PDB file of N, CA and C in Angstrom:
ATOM      1  N   UNK A   1       3.659  -9.941 -13.772  1.00  0.00           N
ATOM      2  CA  UNK A   1       3.007  -8.792 -13.194  1.00  0.00           C
ATOM      3  C   UNK A   1       3.155  -8.791 -11.673  1.00  0.00           C
ATOM      4  N   UNK A   2       2.956  -9.936 -11.038  1.00  0.00           N
ATOM      5  CA  UNK A   2       3.050 -10.015  -9.578  1.00  0.00           C
ATOM      6  C   UNK A   2       4.458  -9.648  -9.129  1.00  0.00           C
ATOM      7  N   UNK A   3       5.448 -10.159  -9.818  1.00  0.00           N
ATOM      8  CA  UNK A   3       6.836  -9.841  -9.466  1.00  0.00           C
ATOM      9  C   UNK A   3       7.094  -8.342  -9.622  1.00  0.00           C
ATOM     10  N   UNK A   4       6.597  -7.759 -10.702  1.00  0.00           N
ATOM     11  CA  UNK A   4       6.792  -6.327 -10.919  1.00  0.00           C
ATOM     12  C   UNK A   4       6.100  -5.513  -9.834  1.00  0.00           C
ATOM     13  N   UNK A   5       4.932  -5.937  -9.428  1.00  0.00           N
ATOM     14  CA  UNK A   5       4.230  -5.243  -8.350  1.00  0.00           C
ATOM     15  C   UNK A   5       5.028  -5.311  -7.052  1.00  0.00           C
ATOM     16  N   UNK A   6       5.639  -6.455  -6.797  1.00  0.00           N
ATOM     17  CA  UNK A   6       6.428  -6.615  -5.581  1.00  0.00           C
ATOM     18  C   UNK A   6       7.683  -5.752  -5.605  1.00  0.00           C
ATOM     19  N   UNK A   7       8.272  -5.595  -6.779  1.00  0.00           N
ATOM     20  CA  UNK A   7       9.496  -4.798  -6.900  1.00  0.00           C
ATOM     21  C   UNK A   7       9.165  -3.315  -6.862  1.00  0.00           C
ATOM     22  N   UNK A   8       8.283  -2.870  -7.733  1.00  0.00           N
ATOM     23  CA  UNK A   8       7.882  -1.461  -7.779  1.00  0.00           C
ATOM     24  C   UNK A   8       6.649  -1.327  -8.669  1.00  0.00           C
ATOM     25  N   UNK A   9       5.518  -1.136  -8.047  1.00  0.00           N
ATOM     26  CA  UNK A   9       4.263  -1.064  -8.801  1.00  0.00           C
ATOM     27  C   UNK A   9       4.268   0.072  -9.816  1.00  0.00           C
ATOM     28  N   UNK A  10       5.068   1.104  -9.571  1.00  0.00           N
ATOM     29  CA  UNK A  10       5.070   2.261 -10.478  1.00  0.00           C
ATOM     30  C   UNK A  10       5.587   1.912 -11.868  1.00  0.00           C
ATOM     31  N   UNK A  11       6.335   0.808 -11.976  1.00  0.00           N
ATOM     32  CA  UNK A  11       6.838   0.372 -13.276  1.00  0.00           C
ATOM     33  C   UNK A  11       5.955  -0.683 -13.933  1.00  0.00           C
ATOM     34  N   UNK A  12       4.911  -1.103 -13.241  1.00  0.00           N
ATOM     35  CA  UNK A  12       4.014  -2.149 -13.766  1.00  0.00           C
ATOM     36  C   UNK A  12       3.001  -1.539 -14.732  1.00  0.00           C
ATOM     37  N   UNK A  13       2.532  -2.364 -15.647  1.00  0.00           N
ATOM     38  CA  UNK A  13       1.512  -1.954 -16.612  1.00  0.00           C
ATOM     39  C   UNK A  13       0.153  -2.065 -15.931  1.00  0.00           C
ATOM     40  N   UNK A  14      -0.288  -0.970 -15.316  1.00  0.00           N
ATOM     41  CA  UNK A  14      -1.523  -0.968 -14.545  1.00  0.00           C
ATOM     42  C   UNK A  14      -2.557  -0.042 -15.168  1.00  0.00           C
ATOM     43  N   UNK A  15      -3.799  -0.340 -14.894  1.00  0.00           N
ATOM     44  CA  UNK A  15      -4.876   0.578 -15.260  1.00  0.00           C
ATOM     45  C   UNK A  15      -4.722   1.835 -14.411  1.00  0.00           C
ATOM     46  N   UNK A  16      -5.197   2.960 -14.928  1.00  0.00           N
ATOM     47  CA  UNK A  16      -5.067   4.237 -14.211  1.00  0.00           C
ATOM     48  C   UNK A  16      -5.721   4.173 -12.828  1.00  0.00           C
ATOM     49  N   UNK A  17      -6.853   3.493 -12.718  1.00  0.00           N
ATOM     50  CA  UNK A  17      -7.528   3.377 -11.425  1.00  0.00           C
ATOM     51  C   UNK A  17      -6.661   2.621 -10.420  1.00  0.00           C
ATOM     52  N   UNK A  18      -6.030   1.537 -10.861  1.00  0.00           N
ATOM     53  CA  UNK A  18      -5.162   0.768  -9.966  1.00  0.00           C
ATOM     54  C   UNK A  18      -3.964   1.605  -9.523  1.00  0.00           C
ATOM     55  N   UNK A  19      -3.385   2.341 -10.450  1.00  0.00           N
ATOM     56  CA  UNK A  19      -2.237   3.195 -10.118  1.00  0.00           C
ATOM     57  C   UNK A  19      -2.645   4.291  -9.127  1.00  0.00           C
ATOM     58  N   UNK A  20      -3.800   4.899  -9.350  1.00  0.00           N
ATOM     59  CA  UNK A  20      -4.282   5.944  -8.442  1.00  0.00           C
ATOM     60  C   UNK A  20      -4.504   5.377  -7.040  1.00  0.00           C
ATOM     61  N   UNK A  21      -5.098   4.184  -6.978  1.00  0.00           N
ATOM     62  CA  UNK A  21      -5.339   3.545  -5.691  1.00  0.00           C
ATOM     63  C   UNK A  21      -4.029   3.267  -4.961  1.00  0.00           C
ATOM     64  N   UNK A  22      -3.063   2.705  -5.664  1.00  0.00           N
ATOM     65  CA  UNK A  22      -1.785   2.384  -5.030  1.00  0.00           C
ATOM     66  C   UNK A  22      -1.018   3.638  -4.642  1.00  0.00           C
ATOM     67  N   UNK A  23      -1.046   4.659  -5.476  1.00  0.00           N
ATOM     68  CA  UNK A  23      -0.396   5.927  -5.123  1.00  0.00           C
ATOM     69  C   UNK A  23      -0.986   6.485  -3.828  1.00  0.00           C
ATOM     70  N   UNK A  24      -2.309   6.460  -3.742  1.00  0.00           N
ATOM     71  CA  UNK A  24      -2.990   6.958  -2.544  1.00  0.00           C
ATOM     72  C   UNK A  24      -2.619   6.119  -1.321  1.00  0.00           C
ATOM     73  N   UNK A  25      -2.655   4.801  -1.452  1.00  0.00           N
ATOM     74  CA  UNK A  25      -2.356   3.916  -0.324  1.00  0.00           C
ATOM     75  C   UNK A  25      -0.931   4.122   0.168  1.00  0.00           C
ATOM     76  N   UNK A  26       0.011   4.249  -0.749  1.00  0.00           N
ATOM     77  CA  UNK A  26       1.405   4.477  -0.352  1.00  0.00           C
ATOM     78  C   UNK A  26       1.537   5.819   0.355  1.00  0.00           C
ATOM     79  N   UNK A  27       0.927   6.836  -0.195  1.00  0.00           N
ATOM     80  CA  UNK A  27       1.003   8.165   0.426  1.00  0.00           C
ATOM     81  C   UNK A  27       0.379   8.140   1.816  1.00  0.00           C
ATOM     82  N   UNK A  28      -0.785   7.514   1.940  1.00  0.00           N
ATOM     83  CA  UNK A  28      -1.463   7.430   3.228  1.00  0.00           C
ATOM     84  C   UNK A  28      -0.634   6.654   4.250  1.00  0.00           C
ATOM     85  N   UNK A  29       0.014   5.594   3.818  1.00  0.00           N
ATOM     86  CA  UNK A  29       0.799   4.775   4.737  1.00  0.00           C
ATOM     87  C   UNK A  29       2.122   5.441   5.135  1.00  0.00           C
ATOM     88  N   UNK A  30       2.749   6.117   4.192  1.00  0.00           N
ATOM     89  CA  UNK A  30       4.083   6.675   4.454  1.00  0.00           C
ATOM     90  C   UNK A  30       4.086   8.122   4.922  1.00  0.00           C
ATOM     91  N   UNK A  31       3.165   8.915   4.408  1.00  0.00           N
ATOM     92  CA  UNK A  31       3.123  10.343   4.736  1.00  0.00           C
ATOM     93  C   UNK A  31       1.679  10.811   4.879  1.00  0.00           C
ATOM     94  N   UNK A  32       0.951  10.288   5.852  1.00  0.00           N
ATOM     95  CA  UNK A  32      -0.471  10.594   5.947  1.00  0.00           C
ATOM     96  C   UNK A  32      -0.771  12.074   6.122  1.00  0.00           C
ATOM     97  N   UNK A  33       0.127  12.812   6.680  1.00  0.00           N
ATOM     98  CA  UNK A  33      -0.092  14.248   6.888  1.00  0.00           C
ATOM     99  C   UNK A  33      -0.088  15.037   5.579  1.00  0.00           C
ATOM    100  N   UNK A  34       0.357  14.404   4.482  1.00  0.00           N
ATOM    101  CA  UNK A  34       0.385  15.102   3.197  1.00  0.00           C
ATOM    102  C   UNK A  34      -0.839  14.817   2.328  1.00  0.00           C
ATOM    103  N   UNK A  35      -1.696  13.918   2.765  1.00  0.00           N
ATOM    104  CA  UNK A  35      -2.894  13.593   1.985  1.00  0.00           C
ATOM    105  C   UNK A  35      -3.814  14.812   1.969  1.00  0.00           C
ATOM    106  N   UNK A  36      -4.270  15.159   0.777  1.00  0.00           N
ATOM    107  CA  UNK A  36      -5.112  16.343   0.590  1.00  0.00           C
ATOM    108  C   UNK A  36      -6.344  15.981  -0.239  1.00  0.00           C
ATOM    109  N   UNK A  37      -7.261  16.918  -0.325  1.00  0.00           N
ATOM    110  CA  UNK A  37      -8.487  16.718  -1.101  1.00  0.00           C
ATOM    111  C   UNK A  37      -8.171  16.326  -2.550  1.00  0.00           C
ATOM    112  N   UNK A  38      -7.071  16.849  -3.078  1.00  0.00           N
ATOM    113  CA  UNK A  38      -6.676  16.519  -4.454  1.00  0.00           C
ATOM    114  C   UNK A  38      -6.416  15.019  -4.611  1.00  0.00           C
ATOM    115  N   UNK A  39      -5.912  14.374  -3.563  1.00  0.00           N
ATOM    116  CA  UNK A  39      -5.668  12.929  -3.624  1.00  0.00           C
ATOM    117  C   UNK A  39      -6.991  12.167  -3.701  1.00  0.00           C
ATOM    118  N   UNK A  40      -7.981  12.627  -2.946  1.00  0.00           N
ATOM    119  CA  UNK A  40      -9.305  12.023  -2.984  1.00  0.00           C
ATOM    120  C   UNK A  40      -9.948  12.280  -4.347  1.00  0.00           C
ATOM    121  N   UNK A  41      -9.790  13.489  -4.851  1.00  0.00           N
ATOM    122  CA  UNK A  41     -10.336  13.827  -6.170  1.00  0.00           C
ATOM    123  C   UNK A  41      -9.747  12.931  -7.255  1.00  0.00           C
ATOM    124  N   UNK A  42      -8.459  12.644  -7.173  1.00  0.00           N
ATOM    125  CA  UNK A  42      -7.830  11.767  -8.173  1.00  0.00           C
ATOM    126  C   UNK A  42      -8.476  10.384  -8.151  1.00  0.00           C
ATOM    127  N   UNK A  43      -8.794   9.895  -6.961  1.00  0.00           N
ATOM    128  CA  UNK A  43      -9.468   8.599  -6.868  1.00  0.00           C
ATOM    129  C   UNK A  43     -10.863   8.666  -7.485  1.00  0.00           C
ATOM    130  N   UNK A  44     -11.569   9.737  -7.219  1.00  0.00           N
ATOM    131  CA  UNK A  44     -12.911   9.890  -7.800  1.00  0.00           C
ATOM    132  C   UNK A  44     -12.839   9.976  -9.320  1.00  0.00           C
ATOM    133  N   UNK A  45     -11.889  10.746  -9.834  1.00  0.00           N
ATOM    134  CA  UNK A  45     -11.707  10.865 -11.287  1.00  0.00           C
ATOM    135  C   UNK A  45     -11.381   9.507 -11.901  1.00  0.00           C
ATOM    136  N   UNK A  46     -10.640   8.686 -11.149  1.00  0.00           N
ATOM    137  CA  UNK A  46     -10.283   7.347 -11.633  1.00  0.00           C
ATOM    138  C   UNK A  46     -11.461   6.380 -11.575  1.00  0.00           C
ATOM    139  N   UNK A  47     -12.587   6.837 -10.992  1.00  0.00           N
ATOM    140  CA  UNK A  47     -13.789   6.010 -11.006  1.00  0.00           C
ATOM    141  C   UNK A  47     -14.207   5.431  -9.668  1.00  0.00           C
ATOM    142  N   UNK A  48     -13.513   5.786  -8.600  1.00  0.00           N
ATOM    143  CA  UNK A  48     -13.867   5.247  -7.289  1.00  0.00           C
ATOM    144  C   UNK A  48     -14.993   6.057  -6.659  1.00  0.00           C
ATOM    145  N   UNK A  49     -15.958   5.357  -6.116  1.00  0.00           N
ATOM    146  CA  UNK A  49     -17.046   6.003  -5.379  1.00  0.00           C
ATOM    147  C   UNK A  49     -16.516   6.433  -4.007  1.00  0.00           C
ATOM    148  N   UNK A  50     -17.301   7.230  -3.318  1.00  0.00           N
ATOM    149  CA  UNK A  50     -16.901   7.622  -1.969  1.00  0.00           C
ATOM    150  C   UNK A  50     -16.752   6.397  -1.070  1.00  0.00           C
ATOM    151  N   UNK A  51     -17.621   5.424  -1.236  1.00  0.00           N
ATOM    152  CA  UNK A  51     -17.529   4.176  -0.447  1.00  0.00           C
ATOM    153  C   UNK A  51     -16.230   3.440  -0.759  1.00  0.00           C
ATOM    154  N   UNK A  52     -15.839   3.388  -2.028  1.00  0.00           N
ATOM    155  CA  UNK A  52     -14.596   2.721  -2.408  1.00  0.00           C
ATOM    156  C   UNK A  52     -13.388   3.468  -1.844  1.00  0.00           C
ATOM    157  N   UNK A  53     -13.434   4.791  -1.856  1.00  0.00           N
ATOM    158  CA  UNK A  53     -12.352   5.586  -1.264  1.00  0.00           C
ATOM    159  C   UNK A  53     -12.239   5.263   0.224  1.00  0.00           C
ATOM    160  N   UNK A  54     -13.372   5.198   0.890  1.00  0.00           N
ATOM    161  CA  UNK A  54     -13.370   4.836   2.308  1.00  0.00           C
ATOM    162  C   UNK A  54     -12.773   3.446   2.509  1.00  0.00           C
ATOM    163  N   UNK A  55     -13.142   2.487   1.672  1.00  0.00           N
ATOM    164  CA  UNK A  55     -12.597   1.132   1.779  1.00  0.00           C
ATOM    165  C   UNK A  55     -11.079   1.126   1.601  1.00  0.00           C
ATOM    166  N   UNK A  56     -10.591   1.861   0.613  1.00  0.00           N
ATOM    167  CA  UNK A  56      -9.139   1.942   0.386  1.00  0.00           C
ATOM    168  C   UNK A  56      -8.471   2.534   1.618  1.00  0.00           C
ATOM    169  N   UNK A  57      -9.066   3.589   2.157  1.00  0.00           N
ATOM    170  CA  UNK A  57      -8.522   4.246   3.341  1.00  0.00           C
ATOM    171  C   UNK A  57      -8.518   3.299   4.541  1.00  0.00           C
ATOM    172  N   UNK A  58      -9.621   2.595   4.754  1.00  0.00           N
ATOM    173  CA  UNK A  58      -9.723   1.687   5.897  1.00  0.00           C
ATOM    174  C   UNK A  58      -8.734   0.530   5.810  1.00  0.00           C
ATOM    175  N   UNK A  59      -8.609  -0.072   4.649  1.00  0.00           N
ATOM    176  CA  UNK A  59      -7.680  -1.195   4.491  1.00  0.00           C
ATOM    177  C   UNK A  59      -6.236  -0.725   4.687  1.00  0.00           C
ATOM    178  N   UNK A  60      -5.898   0.411   4.092  1.00  0.00           N
ATOM    179  CA  UNK A  60      -4.547   0.940   4.238  1.00  0.00           C
ATOM    180  C   UNK A  60      -4.253   1.270   5.696  1.00  0.00           C
ATOM    181  N   UNK A  61      -5.187   1.951   6.342  1.00  0.00           N
ATOM    182  CA  UNK A  61      -5.006   2.307   7.749  1.00  0.00           C
ATOM    183  C   UNK A  61      -4.927   1.088   8.648  1.00  0.00           C
ATOM    184  N   UNK A  62      -5.746   0.084   8.369  1.00  0.00           N
ATOM    185  CA  UNK A  62      -5.738  -1.140   9.173  1.00  0.00           C
ATOM    186  C   UNK A  62      -4.376  -1.833   9.106  1.00  0.00           C
ATOM    187  N   UNK A  63      -3.847  -2.000   7.896  1.00  0.00           N
ATOM    188  CA  UNK A  63      -2.553  -2.670   7.768  1.00  0.00           C
ATOM    189  C   UNK A  63      -1.436  -1.860   8.404  1.00  0.00           C
ATOM    190  N   UNK A  64      -1.491  -0.542   8.276  1.00  0.00           N
ATOM    191  CA  UNK A  64      -0.485   0.298   8.929  1.00  0.00           C
ATOM    192  C   UNK A  64      -0.572   0.118  10.446  1.00  0.00           C
ATOM    193  N   UNK A  65      -1.791   0.120  10.974  1.00  0.00           N
ATOM    194  CA  UNK A  65      -1.995  -0.054  12.406  1.00  0.00           C
ATOM    195  C   UNK A  65      -1.464  -1.400  12.895  1.00  0.00           C
ATOM    196  N   UNK A  66      -1.849  -2.461  12.221  1.00  0.00           N
ATOM    197  CA  UNK A  66      -1.444  -3.800  12.649  1.00  0.00           C
ATOM    198  C   UNK A  66       0.078  -3.962  12.578  1.00  0.00           C
ATOM    199  N   UNK A  67       0.692  -3.453  11.520  1.00  0.00           N
ATOM    200  CA  UNK A  67       2.148  -3.551  11.407  1.00  0.00           C
ATOM    201  C   UNK A  67       2.842  -2.764  12.506  1.00  0.00           C
ATOM    202  N   UNK A  68       2.365  -1.571  12.816  1.00  0.00           N
ATOM    203  CA  UNK A  68       2.974  -0.783  13.888  1.00  0.00           C
ATOM    204  C   UNK A  68       2.754  -1.437  15.247  1.00  0.00           C
ATOM    205  N   UNK A  69       1.589  -2.007  15.441  1.00  0.00           N
ATOM    206  CA  UNK A  69       1.306  -2.714  16.675  1.00  0.00           C
ATOM    207  C   UNK A  69       2.257  -3.890  16.852  1.00  0.00           C
ATOM    208  N   UNK A  70       2.403  -4.680  15.811  1.00  0.00           N
ATOM    209  CA  UNK A  70       3.302  -5.839  15.879  1.00  0.00           C
ATOM    210  C   UNK A  70       4.756  -5.408  16.066  1.00  0.00           C
ATOM    211  N   UNK A  71       5.183  -4.400  15.321  1.00  0.00           N
ATOM    212  CA  UNK A  71       6.556  -3.907  15.467  1.00  0.00           C
ATOM    213  C   UNK A  71       6.785  -3.362  16.874  1.00  0.00           C
ATOM    214  N   UNK A  72       5.823  -2.604  17.388  1.00  0.00           N
ATOM    215  CA  UNK A  72       5.958  -1.999  18.706  1.00  0.00           C
ATOM    216  C   UNK A  72       5.989  -3.004  19.837  1.00  0.00           C
ATOM    217  N   UNK A  73       5.408  -4.165  19.620  1.00  0.00           N
ATOM    218  CA  UNK A  73       5.417  -5.218  20.631  1.00  0.00           C
ATOM    219  C   UNK A  73       6.522  -6.248  20.403  1.00  0.00           C
ATOM    220  N   UNK A  74       7.276  -6.060  19.327  1.00  0.00           N
ATOM    221  CA  UNK A  74       8.363  -6.990  19.035  1.00  0.00           C
ATOM    222  C   UNK A  74       7.900  -8.350  18.568  1.00  0.00           C
ATOM    223  N   UNK A  75       6.743  -8.398  17.930  1.00  0.00           N
ATOM    224  CA  UNK A  75       6.231  -9.669  17.428  1.00  0.00           C
ATOM    225  C   UNK A  75       7.142 -10.148  16.305  1.00  0.00           C
ATOM    226  N   UNK A  76       7.699 -11.362  16.448  1.00  0.00           N
ATOM    227  CA  UNK A  76       8.615 -11.848  15.401  1.00  0.00           C
ATOM    228  C   UNK A  76       7.859 -12.202  14.118  1.00  0.00           C
ATOM    229  N   UNK A  77       8.563 -12.056  13.002  1.00  0.00           N
ATOM    230  CA  UNK A  77       7.997 -12.451  11.714  1.00  0.00           C
ATOM    231  C   UNK A  77       7.850 -13.963  11.654  1.00  0.00           C
ATOM    232  N   UNK A  78       6.884 -14.418  10.886  1.00  0.00           N
ATOM    233  CA  UNK A  78       6.759 -15.846  10.652  1.00  0.00           C
ATOM    234  C   UNK A  78       7.923 -16.291   9.783  1.00  0.00           C
ATOM    235  N   UNK A  79       8.286 -17.552   9.861  1.00  0.00           N
ATOM    236  CA  UNK A  79       9.474 -18.066   9.177  1.00  0.00           C
ATOM    237  C   UNK A  79       9.463 -17.801   7.678  1.00  0.00           C
ATOM    238  N   UNK A  80       8.313 -17.896   7.016  1.00  0.00           N
ATOM    239  CA  UNK A  80       8.297 -17.711   5.564  1.00  0.00           C
ATOM    240  C   UNK A  80       8.700 -16.295   5.173  1.00  0.00           C
ATOM    241  N   UNK A  81       8.479 -15.286   6.030  1.00  0.00           N
ATOM    242  CA  UNK A  81       8.914 -13.921   5.724  1.00  0.00           C
ATOM    243  C   UNK A  81      10.431 -13.838   5.747  1.00  0.00           C
ATOM    244  N   UNK A  82      11.046 -14.497   6.722  1.00  0.00           N
ATOM    245  CA  UNK A  82      12.506 -14.503   6.793  1.00  0.00           C
ATOM    246  C   UNK A  82      13.092 -15.182   5.562  1.00  0.00           C
ATOM    247  N   UNK A  83      12.464 -16.252   5.083  1.00  0.00           N
ATOM    248  CA  UNK A  83      12.938 -16.948   3.887  1.00  0.00           C
ATOM    249  C   UNK A  83      12.828 -16.048   2.679  1.00  0.00           C
ATOM    250  N   UNK A  84      11.737 -15.304   2.543  1.00  0.00           N
ATOM    251  CA  UNK A  84      11.569 -14.358   1.424  1.00  0.00           C
ATOM    252  C   UNK A  84      12.625 -13.265   1.488  1.00  0.00           C
ATOM    253  N   UNK A  85      12.873 -12.744   2.677  1.00  0.00           N
ATOM    254  CA  UNK A  85      13.863 -11.677   2.831  1.00  0.00           C
ATOM    255  C   UNK A  85      15.253 -12.183   2.441  1.00  0.00           C
ATOM    256  N   UNK A  86      15.596 -13.404   2.884  1.00  0.00           N
ATOM    257  CA  UNK A  86      16.897 -13.982   2.533  1.00  0.00           C
ATOM    258  C   UNK A  86      17.024 -14.148   1.014  1.00  0.00           C
ATOM    259  N   UNK A  87      15.969 -14.587   0.376  1.00  0.00           N
ATOM    260  CA  UNK A  87      15.985 -14.794  -1.083  1.00  0.00           C
ATOM    261  C   UNK A  87      16.148 -13.464  -1.818  1.00  0.00           C
ATOM    262  N   UNK A  88      15.557 -12.394  -1.310  1.00  0.00           N
ATOM    263  CA  UNK A  88      15.628 -11.092  -1.956  1.00  0.00           C
ATOM    264  C   UNK A  88      16.941 -10.359  -1.718  1.00  0.00           C
ATOM    265  N   UNK A  89      17.717 -10.765  -0.723  1.00  0.00           N
ATOM    266  CA  UNK A  89      18.961 -10.064  -0.423  1.00  0.00           C
ATOM    267  C   UNK A  89      20.186 -10.792  -0.952  1.00  0.00           C
ATOM    268  N   UNK A  90      20.010 -11.998  -1.429  1.00  0.00           N
ATOM    269  CA  UNK A  90      21.160 -12.747  -1.966  1.00  0.00           C
ATOM    270  C   UNK A  90      21.436 -12.269  -3.401  1.00  0.00           C
ATOM    271  N   UNK A  91      22.744 -12.145  -3.724  1.00  0.00           N
ATOM    272  CA  UNK A  91      23.086 -11.680  -5.105  1.00  0.00           C
ATOM    273  C   UNK A  91      22.730 -12.679  -6.170  1.00  0.00           C
TER     274      UNK A  91
END
């Protein structure tokens, strides 16, 4: 399951709530200007409270912020990330 999540969560056997959460987080991180009330409604229908929606939003936004901050300052990756990248790109 962990490997499938790392490759593409959309192909993993997930509960509907988990899929809704990940769909929202990806949309918020990649195309935040496209997030609409319908996206929030989908989370509520999946069982998330308003507080949980806020938590998902805050965590997603925080990681996006920190990654952009690090990228913008040229902060190098830690060595273990480079090792993972090398392992994933080798045939």
